[in-house]
Amino acid sequence: MNNLDQLACEFDVILKKYLPSKKSPEIIYESVFYSLFAGGKRIRPILLLQSCSLACGDLNFAQPLAAAIEMIHTYSLIHDDLPCMDNDDYRRGKLTNHKMFSYPVAVLAGDALLNMAYETIMNGYFGVKDKDSYMKAAFIIAKAAGIDGMIAGQTADITLEGAEPDKKAVDFIHKHKTSALIEASIHAGMLSGKLDDEQQLHLLEYASCIGMMFQIVDDILDVVGDEGVMGKDTGKDDNKMSYPRAYGLDESYAKVEYLKNKSIESLKIFGSKADFFKNLTLFLSERNK
């Protein structure tokens, strides 16, 4: 997708506005910045900002939320890579945080990013006009990241490792661990503007489809992906509740195709205004990393 890298670069400029200056002890700042700028695709904050644009919303509303959601996502990756969880040595072709800075510092860097996210959200509250909608968006993000969202999915993912494949469990994990934060990104951005009830329903349906599709593609790539291209080890999900383990590769590919088509169908109400979302869906369904 030609403009995704450009949008990621533009978001990085926004993100840097919300980061603290380095103080003592410097290692925790270095650890946080290392993972925050390790080359991520910035899908979640870009979706939030593009949803704001689609809704003709207020950027002062959307930007702190976008920064916060990337902080939350990055904290989750740092913790997900730890030896007590997925035990990964590389992410995006670089050493994982705990390999670079030590296990204890990586834990603290994740903690710091989560707290920074809520500092950023709360500070953004003072700069918006529609404070009720902003607080609703903030709650949606917090809930998606919490015990009823991402944490629930991560817990199920860890505790069910090695168990027999279970389709219901896989669907639960994917809905909560990955899709919840992607859905929250779109929902929060949407609330910055004015979409009617029907438009909101269609955009939320799109969010649900693309969130699940994103994780299923990840599962497929863990089986068939090229480690050199992906920048991390493959085969890590062999004992996990992954889509290929529960449904098989053929049905996994079919599900991606179904969700891709359903997500694009849900955008028709917006016409050409939703071209970014349509193109992103096509890109994500065909990605190789």
Protein backbone atom coordinates (compact mmCIF):
# COMPACT_ATOMS: atom_id res chain seq x y z
CA MET A 1 0.00 0.00 0.00
CA ASN A 2 1.84 3.05 -1.30
CA ASN A 3 0.80 5.66 1.25
CA LEU A 4 0.94 3.50 4.40
CA ASP A 5 4.64 4.20 5.00
CA GLN A 6 4.00 7.91 4.53
CA LEU A 7 1.12 7.85 6.99
CA ALA A 8 3.32 5.96 9.48
CA CYS A 9 6.02 8.64 9.15
CA GLU A 10 3.44 11.38 9.65
CA PHE A 11 2.13 9.61 12.73
CA ASP A 12 5.65 9.32 14.18
CA VAL A 13 5.86 13.12 14.11
CA ILE A 14 2.57 13.26 16.04
CA LEU A 15 3.67 10.55 18.49
CA LYS A 16 6.89 12.37 19.40
CA LYS A 17 4.83 15.35 20.62
CA TYR A 18 3.41 13.18 23.39
CA LEU A 19 6.65 11.66 24.64
CA PRO A 20 8.54 12.92 27.71
CA SER A 21 12.07 14.22 27.48
CA LYS A 22 14.74 11.80 28.63
CA LYS A 23 15.58 11.99 32.31
CA SER A 24 17.34 9.79 34.83
CA PRO A 25 17.56 6.82 34.81
CA GLU A 26 18.14 7.03 31.08
CA ILE A 27 17.91 3.28 30.46
CA ILE A 28 14.12 3.21 30.94
CA TYR A 29 13.66 5.99 28.38
CA GLU A 30 16.01 4.25 25.96
CA SER A 31 14.10 0.99 26.41
CA VAL A 32 10.71 2.66 25.82
CA PHE A 33 11.89 4.58 22.76
CA TYR A 34 13.65 1.51 21.35
CA SER A 35 10.44 -0.48 21.09
CA LEU A 36 8.19 2.46 20.27
CA PHE A 37 10.29 3.28 17.19
CA ALA A 38 11.32 -0.23 16.14
CA GLY A 39 9.61 -0.03 12.76
CA GLY A 40 5.99 -0.85 13.45
CA LYS A 41 3.31 -0.54 10.77
CA ARG A 42 1.27 1.85 12.97
CA ILE A 43 -1.96 0.19 11.81
CA ARG A 44 -3.96 1.02 14.94
CA PRO A 45 -3.22 4.76 15.20
CA ILE A 46 -3.55 5.15 11.44
CA LEU A 47 -6.96 3.49 11.57
CA LEU A 48 -7.96 5.84 14.38
CA LEU A 49 -6.83 8.93 12.50
CA GLN A 50 -8.39 7.78 9.23
CA SER A 51 -11.67 7.08 11.03
CA CYS A 52 -11.51 10.61 12.37
CA SER A 53 -11.02 11.87 8.82
CA LEU A 54 -13.92 9.79 7.49
CA ALA A 55 -16.15 11.23 10.23
CA CYS A 56 -14.89 14.79 9.55
CA GLY A 57 -13.73 14.80 13.15
CA ASP A 58 -11.48 16.90 15.36
CA LEU A 59 -7.76 16.09 15.16
CA ASN A 60 -7.23 17.51 18.66
CA PHE A 61 -9.60 14.75 19.77
CA ALA A 62 -8.00 11.97 17.73
CA GLN A 63 -4.26 12.59 17.99
CA PRO A 64 -3.71 11.94 21.74
CA LEU A 65 -5.88 8.82 21.49
CA ALA A 66 -3.86 7.61 18.50
CA ALA A 67 -0.60 8.17 20.38
CA ALA A 68 -1.98 6.37 23.42
CA ILE A 69 -3.20 3.36 21.49
CA GLU A 70 0.25 2.87 19.95
CA MET A 71 1.80 3.06 23.41
CA ILE A 72 -0.63 0.40 24.62
CA HIS A 73 0.09 -1.79 21.60
CA THR A 74 3.85 -1.45 22.07
CA TYR A 75 3.67 -2.29 25.77
CA SER A 76 1.74 -5.44 24.89
CA LEU A 77 4.41 -6.49 22.39
CA ILE A 78 7.24 -5.97 24.89
CA HIS A 79 5.47 -8.14 27.46
CA ASP A 80 4.35 -10.68 24.84
CA ASP A 81 8.00 -11.26 23.85
CA LEU A 82 9.15 -11.98 27.43
CA PRO A 83 10.46 -15.45 28.35
CA CYS A 84 7.42 -16.03 30.58
CA MET A 85 5.12 -15.55 27.59
CA ASP A 86 6.18 -16.11 23.96
CA ASN A 87 9.94 -16.02 24.65
CA ASP A 88 10.92 -14.30 21.39
CA ASP A 89 14.42 -13.10 20.62
CA TYR A 90 13.53 -10.96 17.60
CA ARG A 91 10.73 -8.66 16.51
CA ARG A 92 10.70 -6.73 13.24
CA GLY A 93 14.23 -7.96 12.57
CA LYS A 94 15.64 -6.46 15.77
CA LEU A 95 16.42 -7.88 19.20
CA THR A 96 13.39 -7.87 21.46
CA ASN A 97 13.38 -5.41 24.34
CA HIS A 98 14.36 -7.88 27.05
CA LYS A 99 17.25 -9.15 24.92
CA MET A 100 18.45 -5.60 24.42
CA PHE A 101 17.90 -4.14 27.90
CA SER A 102 17.28 -7.11 30.29
CA TYR A 103 14.14 -8.82 31.51
CA PRO A 104 13.45 -6.44 34.44
CA VAL A 105 13.91 -3.29 32.35
CA ALA A 106 11.64 -4.68 29.63
CA VAL A 107 8.89 -5.32 32.20
CA LEU A 108 9.24 -1.76 33.46
CA ALA A 109 9.29 -0.34 29.92
CA GLY A 110 5.98 -2.06 29.23
CA ASP A 111 4.57 -0.73 32.50
CA ALA A 112 5.82 2.76 31.64
CA LEU A 113 4.22 2.72 28.20
CA LEU A 114 0.85 1.63 29.58
CA ASN A 115 0.95 4.41 32.15
CA MET A 116 2.12 6.94 29.55
CA ALA A 117 -0.88 5.98 27.43
CA TYR A 118 -3.32 6.97 30.15
CA GLU A 119 -1.36 10.13 30.96
CA THR A 120 -1.63 11.05 27.28
CA ILE A 121 -5.34 10.30 27.15
CA MET A 122 -6.09 12.30 30.30
CA ASN A 123 -4.00 15.27 29.21
CA GLY A 124 -5.79 15.28 25.84
CA TYR A 125 -9.12 15.71 27.60
CA PHE A 126 -8.34 19.35 28.37
CA GLY A 127 -7.89 20.26 24.71
CA VAL A 128 -11.16 18.98 23.24
CA LYS A 129 -14.58 20.58 22.94
CA ASP A 130 -16.72 17.44 22.94
CA LYS A 131 -15.56 16.10 26.29
CA ASP A 132 -18.38 13.55 26.62
CA SER A 133 -17.51 11.84 23.32
CA TYR A 134 -13.81 12.00 24.17
CA MET A 135 -14.36 10.23 27.49
CA LYS A 136 -16.48 7.61 25.74
CA ALA A 137 -13.65 7.02 23.26
CA ALA A 138 -11.11 6.85 26.11
CA PHE A 139 -13.25 4.26 27.91
CA ILE A 140 -13.56 2.17 24.72
CA ILE A 141 -9.77 2.09 24.40
CA ALA A 142 -9.22 1.29 28.08
CA LYS A 143 -11.79 -1.51 28.04
CA ALA A 144 -10.33 -3.01 24.84
CA ALA A 145 -6.88 -3.08 26.47
CA GLY A 146 -8.08 -4.49 29.78
CA ILE A 147 -9.32 -7.61 31.47
CA ASP A 148 -12.38 -7.87 29.22
CA GLY A 149 -10.31 -7.26 26.08
CA MET A 150 -6.66 -7.77 25.21
CA ILE A 151 -5.68 -9.12 28.64
CA ALA A 152 -8.46 -11.72 28.45
CA GLY A 153 -7.21 -12.84 25.06
CA GLN A 154 -3.58 -12.97 26.14
CA THR A 155 -4.49 -14.95 29.26
CA ALA A 156 -6.45 -17.50 27.27
CA ASP A 157 -3.62 -17.70 24.75
CA ILE A 158 -1.07 -18.51 27.47
CA THR A 159 -3.17 -20.82 29.63
CA LEU A 160 -4.46 -22.88 26.70
CA GLU A 161 -1.03 -23.44 25.16
CA GLY A 162 -0.54 -27.14 24.48
CA ALA A 163 -4.25 -27.94 24.75
CA GLU A 164 -6.18 -29.67 21.99
CA PRO A 165 -7.29 -27.28 19.21
CA ASP A 166 -10.66 -25.71 20.02
CA LYS A 167 -12.43 -23.50 17.49
CA LYS A 168 -14.43 -21.61 20.10
CA ALA A 169 -11.28 -20.88 22.11
CA VAL A 170 -9.43 -19.67 19.02
CA ASP A 171 -12.26 -17.31 18.12
CA PHE A 172 -12.30 -15.96 21.68
CA ILE A 173 -8.53 -15.38 21.74
CA HIS A 174 -8.46 -13.63 18.37
CA LYS A 175 -11.49 -11.47 19.16
CA HIS A 176 -9.98 -10.28 22.43
CA LYS A 177 -6.20 -10.39 22.05
CA THR A 178 -5.96 -8.71 18.64
CA SER A 179 -9.27 -7.56 17.25
CA ALA A 180 -10.40 -5.66 20.36
CA LEU A 181 -7.73 -2.97 20.09
CA ILE A 182 -8.14 -2.66 16.31
CA GLU A 183 -11.89 -2.26 16.74
CA ALA A 184 -11.34 0.30 19.50
CA SER A 185 -9.05 2.31 17.23
CA ILE A 186 -11.75 2.70 14.61
CA HIS A 187 -14.53 3.25 17.15
CA ALA A 188 -12.58 5.95 19.01
CA GLY A 189 -11.68 7.79 15.81
CA MET A 190 -15.28 7.60 14.62
CA LEU A 191 -16.50 9.33 17.79
CA SER A 192 -14.40 12.42 17.02
CA GLY A 193 -16.89 13.42 14.31
CA LYS A 194 -20.48 13.02 13.26
CA LEU A 195 -21.58 9.81 11.56
CA ASP A 196 -25.22 8.75 11.61
CA ASP A 197 -26.28 5.53 13.31
CA GLU A 198 -26.27 3.47 10.10
CA GLN A 199 -22.81 4.69 9.12
CA GLN A 200 -21.49 3.86 12.59
CA LEU A 201 -22.86 0.32 12.42
CA HIS A 202 -21.25 -0.26 9.04
CA LEU A 203 -17.89 1.09 10.18
CA LEU A 204 -17.98 -1.03 13.34
CA GLU A 205 -18.77 -4.10 11.23
CA TYR A 206 -15.73 -3.27 9.10
CA ALA A 207 -13.64 -2.95 12.27
CA SER A 208 -14.73 -6.35 13.54
CA CYS A 209 -13.96 -8.03 10.22
CA ILE A 210 -10.54 -6.47 9.73
CA GLY A 211 -9.53 -7.17 13.34
CA MET A 212 -10.18 -10.89 13.02
CA MET A 213 -8.70 -11.03 9.52
CA PHE A 214 -5.48 -9.40 10.72
CA GLN A 215 -4.85 -12.10 13.34
CA ILE A 216 -5.79 -15.00 11.07
CA VAL A 217 -3.25 -13.75 8.51
CA ASP A 218 -0.70 -13.61 11.35
CA ASP A 219 -1.49 -17.22 12.19
CA ILE A 220 -1.08 -18.27 8.56
CA LEU A 221 2.25 -16.47 8.29
CA ASP A 222 3.51 -18.30 11.37
CA VAL A 223 3.07 -21.50 9.34
CA VAL A 224 4.08 -20.46 5.81
CA GLY A 225 5.90 -17.13 6.26
CA ASP A 226 9.53 -16.37 5.48
CA GLU A 227 11.49 -15.60 8.66
CA GLY A 228 13.85 -13.32 6.75
CA VAL A 229 10.98 -11.22 5.46
CA MET A 230 9.02 -11.24 8.71
CA GLY A 231 11.96 -10.36 10.94
CA LYS A 232 11.01 -12.95 13.58
CA ASP A 233 10.89 -16.69 14.10
CA THR A 234 8.06 -18.71 12.59
CA GLY A 235 6.50 -21.89 13.99
CA LYS A 236 5.94 -20.25 17.38
CA ASP A 237 2.24 -21.15 17.34
CA ASP A 238 2.67 -24.91 16.92
CA ASN A 239 1.23 -25.60 20.39
CA LYS A 240 -1.08 -22.59 20.55
CA MET A 241 -4.74 -21.99 19.78
CA SER A 242 -4.11 -20.72 16.26
CA TYR A 243 -6.51 -20.67 13.33
CA PRO A 244 -4.55 -23.17 11.22
CA ARG A 245 -4.36 -25.62 14.13
CA ALA A 246 -8.09 -25.44 14.82
CA TYR A 247 -9.47 -24.99 11.31
CA GLY A 248 -6.66 -26.06 8.96
CA LEU A 249 -4.79 -23.93 6.45
CA ASP A 250 -7.37 -24.17 3.67
CA GLU A 251 -10.20 -23.00 5.89
CA SER A 252 -7.95 -20.29 7.32
CA TYR A 253 -7.33 -18.89 3.83
CA ALA A 254 -11.06 -19.14 3.11
CA LYS A 255 -11.88 -17.22 6.29
CA VAL A 256 -9.48 -14.44 5.33
CA GLU A 257 -11.17 -14.19 1.94
CA TYR A 258 -14.62 -14.13 3.55
CA LEU A 259 -13.66 -11.41 6.05
CA LYS A 260 -11.94 -9.38 3.35
CA ASN A 261 -15.06 -9.40 1.18
CA LYS A 262 -17.39 -8.73 4.11
CA SER A 263 -15.30 -5.80 5.31
CA ILE A 264 -15.25 -4.23 1.84
CA GLU A 265 -18.99 -4.75 1.52
CA SER A 266 -19.57 -2.91 4.79
CA LEU A 267 -17.79 0.16 3.38
CA LYS A 268 -20.12 0.65 0.39
CA ILE A 269 -22.27 3.11 2.31
CA PHE A 270 -19.34 5.55 2.33
CA GLY A 271 -18.53 5.35 -1.39
CA SER A 272 -15.11 6.61 -2.45
CA LYS A 273 -14.61 8.31 0.94
CA ALA A 274 -13.68 4.89 2.34
CA ASP A 275 -11.10 4.03 -0.34
CA PHE A 276 -8.30 4.08 2.25
CA PHE A 277 -10.03 1.40 4.33
CA LYS A 278 -10.76 -0.74 1.29
CA ASN A 279 -7.16 -0.54 0.09
CA LEU A 280 -5.86 -1.28 3.57
CA THR A 281 -8.03 -4.39 3.76
CA LEU A 282 -6.62 -5.66 0.46
CA PHE A 283 -3.07 -4.91 1.60
CA LEU A 284 -3.46 -6.61 5.00
CA SER A 285 -5.11 -9.70 3.50
CA GLU A 286 -2.12 -10.21 1.19
CA ARG A 287 0.74 -9.15 3.47
CA ASN A 288 3.82 -11.32 3.95
CA LYS A 289 5.01 -9.90 7.26
